[in-house]
Amino acid sequence: MSKVHDLIGIARRANKLVYGDALHRSIRKQQPALVVIASDASLRTTKHLLSQCDYYMVPYIIVENTGLISQAIGKANVKAVGINEQGIAKEILKNK
C-alpha cells in the first residue's frame, strides 16, 4: 500500500471525494483540489479529463493503475477521482 492509496482512502471516508459523472460536474465548478487519474484509463477518458482540468485550471496527477484507485475507495473499475480537501490533495502531491 502506498501513501497515495492511503490518502485516497482517507478522502473517501471523510466524504471529500467525487468520481464518475459527479467528477465531471465538480471540475466544471472548479471544486476539486486535485484530480487523480489512473494511467490505464482509456485514451478518450484521459483526454477528456485532462482537457477539462487544463481548461478549468484544476491540478491533476496520473497514478499507476485503476487498482490503486478502486481498492482505495472500495469501488470496482474507477479510473479517476477528485479530491475536494486541500490538505489531502497537498499530501498526495507531496507523496506521488
PDB file of N, CA and C in Angstrom:
ATOM      1  N   MET A   1       0.846  -1.186   0.000  1.00  0.00           N
ATOM      2  CA  MET A   1       0.000   0.000   0.000  1.00  0.00           C
ATOM      3  C   MET A   1       0.891   1.250   0.000  1.00  0.00           C
ATOM      4  N   SER A   2       0.563   2.154  -0.846  1.00  0.00           N
ATOM      5  CA  SER A   2       1.332   3.383  -0.920  1.00  0.00           C
ATOM      6  C   SER A   2       0.645   4.479  -0.110  1.00  0.00           C
ATOM      7  N   LYS A   3       1.376   5.517   0.134  1.00  0.00           N
ATOM      8  CA  LYS A   3       0.837   6.669   0.855  1.00  0.00           C
ATOM      9  C   LYS A   3      -0.309   7.309   0.071  1.00  0.00           C
ATOM     10  N   VAL A   4      -0.186   7.363  -1.258  1.00  0.00           N
ATOM     11  CA  VAL A   4      -1.247   7.929  -2.099  1.00  0.00           C
ATOM     12  C   VAL A   4      -2.521   7.110  -1.936  1.00  0.00           C
ATOM     13  N   HIS A   5      -2.383   5.789  -1.948  1.00  0.00           N
ATOM     14  CA  HIS A   5      -3.515   4.874  -1.753  1.00  0.00           C
ATOM     15  C   HIS A   5      -4.205   5.183  -0.426  1.00  0.00           C
ATOM     16  N   ASP A   6      -3.423   5.308   0.635  1.00  0.00           N
ATOM     17  CA  ASP A   6      -3.978   5.598   1.963  1.00  0.00           C
ATOM     18  C   ASP A   6      -4.702   6.942   1.989  1.00  0.00           C
ATOM     19  N   LEU A   7      -4.125   7.949   1.359  1.00  0.00           N
ATOM     20  CA  LEU A   7      -4.731   9.285   1.360  1.00  0.00           C
ATOM     21  C   LEU A   7      -6.031   9.327   0.561  1.00  0.00           C
ATOM     22  N   ILE A   8      -6.095   8.580  -0.534  1.00  0.00           N
ATOM     23  CA  ILE A   8      -7.350   8.498  -1.292  1.00  0.00           C
ATOM     24  C   ILE A   8      -8.420   7.834  -0.433  1.00  0.00           C
ATOM     25  N   GLY A   9      -8.044   6.801   0.304  1.00  0.00           N
ATOM     26  CA  GLY A   9      -8.978   6.139   1.215  1.00  0.00           C
ATOM     27  C   GLY A   9      -9.466   7.068   2.313  1.00  0.00           C
ATOM     28  N   ILE A  10      -8.581   7.883   2.841  1.00  0.00           N
ATOM     29  CA  ILE A  10      -8.965   8.856   3.873  1.00  0.00           C
ATOM     30  C   ILE A  10      -9.959   9.857   3.302  1.00  0.00           C
ATOM     31  N   ALA A  11      -9.705  10.329   2.088  1.00  0.00           N
ATOM     32  CA  ALA A  11     -10.630  11.275   1.443  1.00  0.00           C
ATOM     33  C   ALA A  11     -12.002  10.634   1.258  1.00  0.00           C
ATOM     34  N   ARG A  12     -12.028   9.365   0.894  1.00  0.00           N
ATOM     35  CA  ARG A  12     -13.307   8.653   0.710  1.00  0.00           C
ATOM     36  C   ARG A  12     -14.065   8.571   2.029  1.00  0.00           C
ATOM     37  N   ARG A  13     -13.377   8.192   3.081  1.00  0.00           N
ATOM     38  CA  ARG A  13     -14.035   8.062   4.390  1.00  0.00           C
ATOM     39  C   ARG A  13     -14.488   9.414   4.934  1.00  0.00           C
ATOM     40  N   ALA A  14     -13.794  10.482   4.558  1.00  0.00           N
ATOM     41  CA  ALA A  14     -14.162  11.831   5.001  1.00  0.00           C
ATOM     42  C   ALA A  14     -15.212  12.460   4.087  1.00  0.00           C
ATOM     43  N   ASN A  15     -15.652  11.705   3.080  1.00  0.00           N
ATOM     44  CA  ASN A  15     -16.650  12.186   2.118  1.00  0.00           C
ATOM     45  C   ASN A  15     -16.151  13.426   1.368  1.00  0.00           C
ATOM     46  N   LYS A  16     -14.870  13.444   1.052  1.00  0.00           N
ATOM     47  CA  LYS A  16     -14.239  14.555   0.329  1.00  0.00           C
ATOM     48  C   LYS A  16     -13.729  14.089  -1.027  1.00  0.00           C
ATOM     49  N   LEU A  17     -14.452  13.137  -1.634  1.00  0.00           N
ATOM     50  CA  LEU A  17     -14.013  12.532  -2.870  1.00  0.00           C
ATOM     51  C   LEU A  17     -15.193  12.400  -3.825  1.00  0.00           C
ATOM     52  N   VAL A  18     -14.967  12.670  -5.109  1.00  0.00           N
ATOM     53  CA  VAL A  18     -16.012  12.500  -6.127  1.00  0.00           C
ATOM     54  C   VAL A  18     -15.455  11.664  -7.278  1.00  0.00           C
ATOM     55  N   TYR A  19     -16.340  10.944  -7.948  1.00  0.00           N
ATOM     56  CA  TYR A  19     -15.943  10.146  -9.108  1.00  0.00           C
ATOM     57  C   TYR A  19     -17.144   9.991 -10.027  1.00  0.00           C
ATOM     58  N   GLY A  20     -16.888   9.499 -11.222  1.00  0.00           N
ATOM     59  CA  GLY A  20     -17.971   9.315 -12.188  1.00  0.00           C
ATOM     60  C   GLY A  20     -18.467  10.645 -12.741  1.00  0.00           C
ATOM     61  N   ASP A  21     -19.770  10.707 -13.007  1.00  0.00           N
ATOM     62  CA  ASP A  21     -20.357  11.932 -13.559  1.00  0.00           C
ATOM     63  C   ASP A  21     -20.201  13.118 -12.611  1.00  0.00           C
ATOM     64  N   ALA A  22     -20.234  12.852 -11.315  1.00  0.00           N
ATOM     65  CA  ALA A  22     -20.064  13.925 -10.329  1.00  0.00           C
ATOM     66  C   ALA A  22     -18.681  14.567 -10.450  1.00  0.00           C
ATOM     67  N   LEU A  23     -17.689  13.790 -10.864  1.00  0.00           N
ATOM     68  CA  LEU A  23     -16.340  14.336 -11.052  1.00  0.00           C
ATOM     69  C   LEU A  23     -16.339  15.367 -12.176  1.00  0.00           C
ATOM     70  N   HIS A  24     -16.976  15.048 -13.285  1.00  0.00           N
ATOM     71  CA  HIS A  24     -17.021  15.989 -14.415  1.00  0.00           C
ATOM     72  C   HIS A  24     -17.750  17.280 -14.030  1.00  0.00           C
ATOM     73  N   ARG A  25     -18.855  17.148 -13.300  1.00  0.00           N
ATOM     74  CA  ARG A  25     -19.595  18.343 -12.854  1.00  0.00           C
ATOM     75  C   ARG A  25     -18.761  19.179 -11.890  1.00  0.00           C
ATOM     76  N   SER A  26     -18.055  18.520 -10.978  1.00  0.00           N
ATOM     77  CA  SER A  26     -17.276  19.274  -9.992  1.00  0.00           C
ATOM     78  C   SER A  26     -16.073  19.967 -10.627  1.00  0.00           C
ATOM     79  N   ILE A  27     -15.483  19.364 -11.663  1.00  0.00           N
ATOM     80  CA  ILE A  27     -14.377  20.030 -12.364  1.00  0.00           C
ATOM     81  C   ILE A  27     -14.878  21.317 -13.007  1.00  0.00           C
ATOM     82  N   ARG A  28     -16.065  21.266 -13.620  1.00  0.00           N
ATOM     83  CA  ARG A  28     -16.625  22.469 -14.240  1.00  0.00           C
ATOM     84  C   ARG A  28     -16.881  23.565 -13.207  1.00  0.00           C
ATOM     85  N   LYS A  29     -17.129  23.179 -11.962  1.00  0.00           N
ATOM     86  CA  LYS A  29     -17.340  24.155 -10.886  1.00  0.00           C
ATOM     87  C   LYS A  29     -16.035  24.484 -10.167  1.00  0.00           C
ATOM     88  N   GLN A  30     -14.935  23.910 -10.617  1.00  0.00           N
ATOM     89  CA  GLN A  30     -13.598  24.094 -10.040  1.00  0.00           C
ATOM     90  C   GLN A  30     -13.553  23.711  -8.567  1.00  0.00           C
ATOM     91  N   GLN A  31     -14.254  22.657  -8.194  1.00  0.00           N
ATOM     92  CA  GLN A  31     -14.296  22.233  -6.801  1.00  0.00           C
ATOM     93  C   GLN A  31     -13.131  21.344  -6.371  1.00  0.00           C
ATOM     94  N   PRO A  32     -12.693  20.389  -7.192  1.00  0.00           N
ATOM     95  CA  PRO A  32     -11.625  19.512  -6.697  1.00  0.00           C
ATOM     96  C   PRO A  32     -10.309  20.260  -6.509  1.00  0.00           C
ATOM     97  N   ALA A  33      -9.634  19.954  -5.412  1.00  0.00           N
ATOM     98  CA  ALA A  33      -8.301  20.495  -5.200  1.00  0.00           C
ATOM     99  C   ALA A  33      -7.292  19.707  -6.031  1.00  0.00           C
ATOM    100  N   LEU A  34      -7.671  18.474  -6.413  1.00  0.00           N
ATOM    101  CA  LEU A  34      -6.793  17.611  -7.197  1.00  0.00           C
ATOM    102  C   LEU A  34      -7.629  16.522  -7.861  1.00  0.00           C
ATOM    103  N   VAL A  35      -7.290  16.187  -9.095  1.00  0.00           N
ATOM    104  CA  VAL A  35      -7.904  15.049  -9.784  1.00  0.00           C
ATOM    105  C   VAL A  35      -6.825  13.983  -9.940  1.00  0.00           C
ATOM    106  N   VAL A  36      -7.152  12.752  -9.551  1.00  0.00           N
ATOM    107  CA  VAL A  36      -6.236  11.622  -9.652  1.00  0.00           C
ATOM    108  C   VAL A  36      -6.760  10.711 -10.762  1.00  0.00           C
ATOM    109  N   ILE A  37      -5.930  10.465 -11.774  1.00  0.00           N
ATOM    110  CA  ILE A  37      -6.327   9.682 -12.943  1.00  0.00           C
ATOM    111  C   ILE A  37      -5.440   8.442 -13.032  1.00  0.00           C
ATOM    112  N   ALA A  38      -6.043   7.291 -13.313  1.00  0.00           N
ATOM    113  CA  ALA A  38      -5.289   6.046 -13.475  1.00  0.00           C
ATOM    114  C   ALA A  38      -4.580   6.040 -14.825  1.00  0.00           C
ATOM    115  N   SER A  39      -3.359   5.530 -14.848  1.00  0.00           N
ATOM    116  CA  SER A  39      -2.589   5.502 -16.096  1.00  0.00           C
ATOM    117  C   SER A  39      -3.195   4.554 -17.123  1.00  0.00           C
ATOM    118  N   ASP A  40      -3.983   3.575 -16.679  1.00  0.00           N
ATOM    119  CA  ASP A  40      -4.589   2.634 -17.615  1.00  0.00           C
ATOM    120  C   ASP A  40      -6.028   2.999 -17.988  1.00  0.00           C
ATOM    121  N   ALA A  41      -6.428   4.227 -17.714  1.00  0.00           N
ATOM    122  CA  ALA A  41      -7.744   4.698 -18.162  1.00  0.00           C
ATOM    123  C   ALA A  41      -7.717   4.799 -19.686  1.00  0.00           C
ATOM    124  N   SER A  42      -8.875   4.709 -20.304  1.00  0.00           N
ATOM    125  CA  SER A  42      -8.926   4.756 -21.770  1.00  0.00           C
ATOM    126  C   SER A  42      -8.413   6.106 -22.274  1.00  0.00           C
ATOM    127  N   LEU A  43      -7.967   6.099 -23.504  1.00  0.00           N
ATOM    128  CA  LEU A  43      -7.449   7.325 -24.119  1.00  0.00           C
ATOM    129  C   LEU A  43      -8.515   8.413 -24.130  1.00  0.00           C
ATOM    130  N   ARG A  44      -9.739   8.040 -24.452  1.00  0.00           N
ATOM    131  CA  ARG A  44     -10.841   9.011 -24.505  1.00  0.00           C
ATOM    132  C   ARG A  44     -11.091   9.631 -23.123  1.00  0.00           C
ATOM    133  N   THR A  45     -11.143   8.791 -22.104  1.00  0.00           N
ATOM    134  CA  THR A  45     -11.368   9.275 -20.738  1.00  0.00           C
ATOM    135  C   THR A  45     -10.234  10.193 -20.301  1.00  0.00           C
ATOM    136  N   THR A  46      -9.013   9.756 -20.539  1.00  0.00           N
ATOM    137  CA  THR A  46      -7.849  10.544 -20.138  1.00  0.00           C
ATOM    138  C   THR A  46      -7.823  11.890 -20.851  1.00  0.00           C
ATOM    139  N   LYS A  47      -8.033  11.881 -22.173  1.00  0.00           N
ATOM    140  CA  LYS A  47      -8.034  13.139 -22.929  1.00  0.00           C
ATOM    141  C   LYS A  47      -9.114  14.089 -22.433  1.00  0.00           C
ATOM    142  N   HIS A  48     -10.299  13.548 -22.188  1.00  0.00           N
ATOM    143  CA  HIS A  48     -11.415  14.381 -21.739  1.00  0.00           C
ATOM    144  C   HIS A  48     -11.117  14.999 -20.375  1.00  0.00           C
ATOM    145  N   LEU A  49     -10.635  14.185 -19.442  1.00  0.00           N
ATOM    146  CA  LEU A  49     -10.336  14.704 -18.108  1.00  0.00           C
ATOM    147  C   LEU A  49      -9.192  15.716 -18.140  1.00  0.00           C
ATOM    148  N   LEU A  50      -8.146  15.414 -18.889  1.00  0.00           N
ATOM    149  CA  LEU A  50      -7.010  16.339 -18.955  1.00  0.00           C
ATOM    150  C   LEU A  50      -7.404  17.668 -19.582  1.00  0.00           C
ATOM    151  N   SER A  51      -8.216  17.624 -20.634  1.00  0.00           N
ATOM    152  CA  SER A  51      -8.629  18.886 -21.253  1.00  0.00           C
ATOM    153  C   SER A  51      -9.542  19.677 -20.319  1.00  0.00           C
ATOM    154  N   GLN A  52     -10.416  18.987 -19.596  1.00  0.00           N
ATOM    155  CA  GLN A  52     -11.272  19.678 -18.623  1.00  0.00           C
ATOM    156  C   GLN A  52     -10.431  20.298 -17.512  1.00  0.00           C
ATOM    157  N   CYS A  53      -9.487  19.522 -16.982  1.00  0.00           N
ATOM    158  CA  CYS A  53      -8.636  20.033 -15.900  1.00  0.00           C
ATOM    159  C   CYS A  53      -7.815  21.231 -16.368  1.00  0.00           C
ATOM    160  N   ASP A  54      -7.265  21.151 -17.561  1.00  0.00           N
ATOM    161  CA  ASP A  54      -6.487  22.272 -18.091  1.00  0.00           C
ATOM    162  C   ASP A  54      -7.358  23.509 -18.287  1.00  0.00           C
ATOM    163  N   TYR A  55      -8.530  23.333 -18.865  1.00  0.00           N
ATOM    164  CA  TYR A  55      -9.420  24.460 -19.147  1.00  0.00           C
ATOM    165  C   TYR A  55      -9.880  25.149 -17.862  1.00  0.00           C
ATOM    166  N   TYR A  56     -10.258  24.351 -16.856  1.00  0.00           N
ATOM    167  CA  TYR A  56     -10.768  24.914 -15.604  1.00  0.00           C
ATOM    168  C   TYR A  56      -9.680  25.094 -14.550  1.00  0.00           C
ATOM    169  N   MET A  57      -8.418  24.860 -14.941  1.00  0.00           N
ATOM    170  CA  MET A  57      -7.259  25.053 -14.066  1.00  0.00           C
ATOM    171  C   MET A  57      -7.358  24.251 -12.775  1.00  0.00           C
ATOM    172  N   VAL A  58      -7.673  22.984 -12.912  1.00  0.00           N
ATOM    173  CA  VAL A  58      -7.729  22.063 -11.779  1.00  0.00           C
ATOM    174  C   VAL A  58      -6.489  21.171 -11.870  1.00  0.00           C
ATOM    175  N   PRO A  59      -5.668  21.107 -10.819  1.00  0.00           N
ATOM    176  CA  PRO A  59      -4.468  20.270 -10.881  1.00  0.00           C
ATOM    177  C   PRO A  59      -4.823  18.784 -10.944  1.00  0.00           C
ATOM    178  N   TYR A  60      -3.936  17.998 -11.544  1.00  0.00           N
ATOM    179  CA  TYR A  60      -4.173  16.562 -11.659  1.00  0.00           C
ATOM    180  C   TYR A  60      -2.849  15.815 -11.595  1.00  0.00           C
ATOM    181  N   ILE A  61      -2.936  14.533 -11.253  1.00  0.00           N
ATOM    182  CA  ILE A  61      -1.788  13.633 -11.328  1.00  0.00           C
ATOM    183  C   ILE A  61      -2.264  12.333 -11.960  1.00  0.00           C
ATOM    184  N   ILE A  62      -1.328  11.583 -12.488  1.00  0.00           N
ATOM    185  CA  ILE A  62      -1.630  10.273 -13.055  1.00  0.00           C
ATOM    186  C   ILE A  62      -0.907   9.235 -12.202  1.00  0.00           C
ATOM    187  N   VAL A  63      -1.662   8.241 -11.714  1.00  0.00           N
ATOM    188  CA  VAL A  63      -1.107   7.194 -10.853  1.00  0.00           C
ATOM    189  C   VAL A  63      -1.003   5.880 -11.615  1.00  0.00           C
ATOM    190  N   GLU A  64      -0.369   4.889 -10.989  1.00  0.00           N
ATOM    191  CA  GLU A  64      -0.010   3.629 -11.632  1.00  0.00           C
ATOM    192  C   GLU A  64      -1.146   2.953 -12.385  1.00  0.00           C
ATOM    193  N   ASN A  65      -2.235   2.616 -11.695  1.00  0.00           N
ATOM    194  CA  ASN A  65      -3.289   1.851 -12.361  1.00  0.00           C
ATOM    195  C   ASN A  65      -4.626   2.004 -11.659  1.00  0.00           C
ATOM    196  N   THR A  66      -5.648   1.446 -12.295  1.00  0.00           N
ATOM    197  CA  THR A  66      -7.010   1.518 -11.772  1.00  0.00           C
ATOM    198  C   THR A  66      -7.124   0.839 -10.420  1.00  0.00           C
ATOM    199  N   GLY A  67      -6.370  -0.231 -10.233  1.00  0.00           N
ATOM    200  CA  GLY A  67      -6.436  -0.983  -8.985  1.00  0.00           C
ATOM    201  C   GLY A  67      -6.152  -0.121  -7.768  1.00  0.00           C
ATOM    202  N   LEU A  68      -5.224   0.799  -7.889  1.00  0.00           N
ATOM    203  CA  LEU A  68      -4.883   1.679  -6.772  1.00  0.00           C
ATOM    204  C   LEU A  68      -6.090   2.505  -6.351  1.00  0.00           C
ATOM    205  N   ILE A  69      -6.757   3.110  -7.309  1.00  0.00           N
ATOM    206  CA  ILE A  69      -7.912   3.956  -7.008  1.00  0.00           C
ATOM    207  C   ILE A  69      -9.090   3.110  -6.546  1.00  0.00           C
ATOM    208  N   SER A  70      -9.384   2.046  -7.290  1.00  0.00           N
ATOM    209  CA  SER A  70     -10.539   1.204  -6.976  1.00  0.00           C
ATOM    210  C   SER A  70     -10.436   0.599  -5.585  1.00  0.00           C
ATOM    211  N   GLN A  71      -9.276   0.079  -5.258  1.00  0.00           N
ATOM    212  CA  GLN A  71      -9.090  -0.539  -3.949  1.00  0.00           C
ATOM    213  C   GLN A  71      -9.177   0.504  -2.837  1.00  0.00           C
ATOM    214  N   ALA A  72      -8.647   1.682  -3.068  1.00  0.00           N
ATOM    215  CA  ALA A  72      -8.646   2.725  -2.042  1.00  0.00           C
ATOM    216  C   ALA A  72     -10.051   3.191  -1.694  1.00  0.00           C
ATOM    217  N   ILE A  73     -10.956   3.226  -2.679  1.00  0.00           N
ATOM    218  CA  ILE A  73     -12.303   3.732  -2.396  1.00  0.00           C
ATOM    219  C   ILE A  73     -13.338   2.623  -2.263  1.00  0.00           C
ATOM    220  N   GLY A  74     -12.930   1.378  -2.522  1.00  0.00           N
ATOM    221  CA  GLY A  74     -13.845   0.259  -2.350  1.00  0.00           C
ATOM    222  C   GLY A  74     -14.875   0.117  -3.455  1.00  0.00           C
ATOM    223  N   LYS A  75     -14.590   0.625  -4.628  1.00  0.00           N
ATOM    224  CA  LYS A  75     -15.477   0.507  -5.791  1.00  0.00           C
ATOM    225  C   LYS A  75     -14.675  -0.093  -6.942  1.00  0.00           C
ATOM    226  N   ALA A  76     -15.325  -0.923  -7.742  1.00  0.00           N
ATOM    227  CA  ALA A  76     -14.627  -1.572  -8.853  1.00  0.00           C
ATOM    228  C   ALA A  76     -14.548  -0.661 -10.072  1.00  0.00           C
ATOM    229  N   ASN A  77     -13.417  -0.723 -10.742  1.00  0.00           N
ATOM    230  CA  ASN A  77     -13.239  -0.109 -12.056  1.00  0.00           C
ATOM    231  C   ASN A  77     -13.410   1.412 -12.078  1.00  0.00           C
ATOM    232  N   VAL A  78     -12.893   2.088 -11.075  1.00  0.00           N
ATOM    233  CA  VAL A  78     -12.923   3.554 -11.048  1.00  0.00           C
ATOM    234  C   VAL A  78     -11.600   4.054 -11.629  1.00  0.00           C
ATOM    235  N   LYS A  79     -11.683   4.884 -12.657  1.00  0.00           N
ATOM    236  CA  LYS A  79     -10.497   5.348 -13.382  1.00  0.00           C
ATOM    237  C   LYS A  79      -9.980   6.702 -12.915  1.00  0.00           C
ATOM    238  N   ALA A  80     -10.827   7.490 -12.255  1.00  0.00           N
ATOM    239  CA  ALA A  80     -10.401   8.825 -11.823  1.00  0.00           C
ATOM    240  C   ALA A  80     -11.257   9.280 -10.651  1.00  0.00           C
ATOM    241  N   VAL A  81     -10.649  10.061  -9.769  1.00  0.00           N
ATOM    242  CA  VAL A  81     -11.368  10.637  -8.631  1.00  0.00           C
ATOM    243  C   VAL A  81     -10.930  12.080  -8.442  1.00  0.00           C
ATOM    244  N   GLY A  82     -11.787  12.850  -7.836  1.00  0.00           N
ATOM    245  CA  GLY A  82     -11.459  14.221  -7.474  1.00  0.00           C
ATOM    246  C   GLY A  82     -11.382  14.327  -5.963  1.00  0.00           C
ATOM    247  N   ILE A  83     -10.347  14.953  -5.468  1.00  0.00           N
ATOM    248  CA  ILE A  83     -10.156  15.159  -4.030  1.00  0.00           C
ATOM    249  C   ILE A  83     -10.599  16.581  -3.718  1.00  0.00           C
ATOM    250  N   ASN A  84     -11.595  16.725  -2.853  1.00  0.00           N
ATOM    251  CA  ASN A  84     -12.144  18.049  -2.543  1.00  0.00           C
ATOM    252  C   ASN A  84     -11.523  18.693  -1.307  1.00  0.00           C
ATOM    253  N   GLU A  85     -10.607  18.031  -0.669  1.00  0.00           N
ATOM    254  CA  GLU A  85      -9.972  18.548   0.542  1.00  0.00           C
ATOM    255  C   GLU A  85      -8.556  19.021   0.206  1.00  0.00           C
ATOM    256  N   GLN A  86      -8.285  20.289   0.417  1.00  0.00           N
ATOM    257  CA  GLN A  86      -6.996  20.888   0.063  1.00  0.00           C
ATOM    258  C   GLN A  86      -5.825  20.212   0.773  1.00  0.00           C
ATOM    259  N   GLY A  87      -5.969  19.921   2.051  1.00  0.00           N
ATOM    260  CA  GLY A  87      -4.882  19.307   2.815  1.00  0.00           C
ATOM    261  C   GLY A  87      -4.513  17.926   2.304  1.00  0.00           C
ATOM    262  N   ILE A  88      -5.511  17.112   2.011  1.00  0.00           N
ATOM    263  CA  ILE A  88      -5.262  15.772   1.480  1.00  0.00           C
ATOM    264  C   ILE A  88      -4.632  15.875   0.093  1.00  0.00           C
ATOM    265  N   ALA A  89      -5.112  16.802  -0.715  1.00  0.00           N
ATOM    266  CA  ALA A  89      -4.560  16.991  -2.062  1.00  0.00           C
ATOM    267  C   ALA A  89      -3.079  17.366  -1.993  1.00  0.00           C
ATOM    268  N   LYS A  90      -2.713  18.241  -1.078  1.00  0.00           N
ATOM    269  CA  LYS A  90      -1.309  18.640  -0.929  1.00  0.00           C
ATOM    270  C   LYS A  90      -0.445  17.451  -0.527  1.00  0.00           C
ATOM    271  N   GLU A  91      -0.953  16.613   0.379  1.00  0.00           N
ATOM    272  CA  GLU A  91      -0.211  15.428   0.815  1.00  0.00           C
ATOM    273  C   GLU A  91      -0.022  14.445  -0.339  1.00  0.00           C
ATOM    274  N   ILE A  92      -1.058  14.267  -1.148  1.00  0.00           N
ATOM    275  CA  ILE A  92      -0.945  13.363  -2.300  1.00  0.00           C
ATOM    276  C   ILE A  92       0.116  13.886  -3.265  1.00  0.00           C
ATOM    277  N   LEU A  93       0.105  15.175  -3.544  1.00  0.00           N
ATOM    278  CA  LEU A  93       1.104  15.757  -4.444  1.00  0.00           C
ATOM    279  C   LEU A  93       2.513  15.603  -3.882  1.00  0.00           C
ATOM    280  N   LYS A  94       2.638  15.724  -2.574  1.00  0.00           N
ATOM    281  CA  LYS A  94       3.941  15.598  -1.933  1.00  0.00           C
ATOM    282  C   LYS A  94       4.450  14.154  -1.981  1.00  0.00           C
ATOM    283  N   ASN A  95       3.542  13.185  -1.935  1.00  0.00           N
ATOM    284  CA  ASN A  95       3.923  11.774  -1.852  1.00  0.00           C
ATOM    285  C   ASN A  95       3.764  10.989  -3.147  1.00  0.00           C
ATOM    286  N   LYS A  96       3.506  11.657  -4.249  1.00  0.00           N
ATOM    287  CA  LYS A  96       3.239  10.919  -5.501  1.00  0.00           C
ATOM    288  C   LYS A  96       4.424  10.168  -6.026  1.00  0.00           C
TER     289      LYS A  96
END
